[in-house]
Amino acid sequence: MLCRYMEANQIDVMLLTGTQSKSRQQNMTIHPFGYTVVQSGIKGGGSAGVAIILNRRSTQAWEATKTGPIRLERQGRWLGLHLAFPGDKK
């Protein structure tokens, strides 16, 4: 499982391509890890989606920005997040 791999290798954020994600798909939490999955893709799904998996620390850094995902679906499969870790300068 990706979450176990992320924990074992101290990975905070993982980017995925070729997912079955659909346009404007809801974020989800992977239990019991508490990881967040943010997805984006074409209408109707398919294998042209992208996703970002955030561990708890990175999820908190994203929540601290109070911003939503950045999606540019018309120009390709673009997905981004603003993260603000404690101690970061604004």
Protein backbone atom coordinates (compact mmCIF):
# COMPACT_ATOMS: atom_id res chain seq x y z
CA MET A 1 0.00 0.00 0.00
CA LEU A 2 1.25 3.48 -0.83
CA CYS A 3 0.69 4.86 2.67
CA ARG A 4 2.92 2.20 4.22
CA TYR A 5 5.59 2.93 1.60
CA MET A 6 5.35 6.66 2.34
CA GLU A 7 5.73 6.06 6.09
CA ALA A 8 8.63 3.64 5.70
CA ASN A 9 10.51 6.08 3.43
CA GLN A 10 9.53 9.31 5.23
CA ILE A 11 7.67 10.67 2.21
CA ASP A 12 5.33 13.58 2.97
CA VAL A 13 3.72 14.03 -0.47
CA MET A 14 3.28 11.56 -3.33
CA LEU A 15 2.14 12.49 -6.84
CA LEU A 16 0.27 9.98 -9.01
CA THR A 17 -0.56 10.01 -12.72
CA GLY A 18 -2.74 7.71 -14.80
CA THR A 19 -5.39 7.50 -12.08
CA GLN A 20 -9.08 6.79 -12.60
CA SER A 21 -9.93 10.20 -11.09
CA LYS A 22 -12.89 12.19 -12.37
CA SER A 23 -13.29 15.93 -12.80
CA ARG A 24 -13.77 17.76 -9.46
CA GLN A 25 -13.74 14.53 -7.47
CA GLN A 26 -14.11 14.96 -3.71
CA ASN A 27 -11.06 14.70 -1.45
CA MET A 28 -10.88 11.59 0.69
CA THR A 29 -9.08 10.41 3.80
CA ILE A 30 -7.28 7.07 3.95
CA HIS A 31 -7.96 5.45 7.32
CA PRO A 32 -6.26 4.55 9.68
CA PHE A 33 -3.35 6.59 8.31
CA GLY A 34 -5.17 9.92 8.19
CA TYR A 35 -3.68 10.67 4.78
CA THR A 36 -5.54 12.94 2.36
CA VAL A 37 -6.04 12.17 -1.33
CA VAL A 38 -6.77 15.10 -3.68
CA GLN A 39 -7.74 14.08 -7.21
CA SER A 40 -8.50 15.61 -10.58
CA GLY A 41 -9.21 14.19 -13.99
CA ILE A 42 -11.35 14.30 -17.08
CA LYS A 43 -15.13 14.20 -17.04
CA GLY A 44 -16.26 10.60 -16.79
CA GLY A 45 -12.92 9.35 -15.47
CA GLY A 46 -10.70 7.08 -17.51
CA SER A 47 -7.00 6.64 -16.91
CA ALA A 48 -6.04 10.28 -17.51
CA GLY A 49 -6.36 11.51 -13.93
CA VAL A 50 -3.83 12.79 -11.41
CA ALA A 51 -3.76 12.67 -7.61
CA ILE A 52 -1.77 13.99 -4.67
CA ILE A 53 -1.46 11.99 -1.44
CA LEU A 54 -0.58 14.01 1.67
CA ASN A 55 0.53 12.53 4.98
CA ARG A 56 -0.85 14.04 8.21
CA ARG A 57 1.88 16.68 8.45
CA SER A 58 1.35 17.83 4.87
CA THR A 59 -2.43 17.72 5.28
CA GLN A 60 -2.10 20.13 8.21
CA ALA A 61 0.21 22.35 6.13
CA TRP A 62 -2.42 22.46 3.37
CA GLU A 63 -5.28 23.11 5.81
CA ALA A 64 -3.25 26.00 7.31
CA THR A 65 -3.43 27.86 3.97
CA LYS A 66 -7.25 27.68 3.88
CA THR A 67 -7.04 27.27 0.09
CA GLY A 68 -8.57 24.72 -2.23
CA PRO A 69 -6.83 22.65 -4.88
CA ILE A 70 -5.58 24.38 -8.02
CA ARG A 71 -7.01 22.56 -11.04
CA LEU A 72 -6.38 23.47 -14.66
CA GLU A 73 -8.35 20.79 -16.46
CA ARG A 74 -8.83 22.50 -19.82
CA GLN A 75 -5.09 22.89 -20.38
CA GLY A 76 -4.18 19.36 -19.31
CA ARG A 77 -4.02 17.44 -16.09
CA TRP A 78 -2.70 20.06 -13.68
CA LEU A 79 -3.28 19.78 -9.93
CA GLY A 80 -1.54 21.81 -7.24
CA LEU A 81 -1.80 22.67 -3.55
CA HIS A 82 -0.45 25.49 -1.43
CA LEU A 83 1.28 24.23 1.73
CA ALA A 84 2.37 26.29 4.74
CA PHE A 85 4.51 24.46 7.27
CA PRO A 86 5.08 25.88 10.78
CA GLY A 87 7.90 28.41 10.68
CA ASP A 88 7.48 29.19 6.95
CA LYS A 89 7.74 32.86 6.07
CA LYS A 90 4.71 34.31 4.33
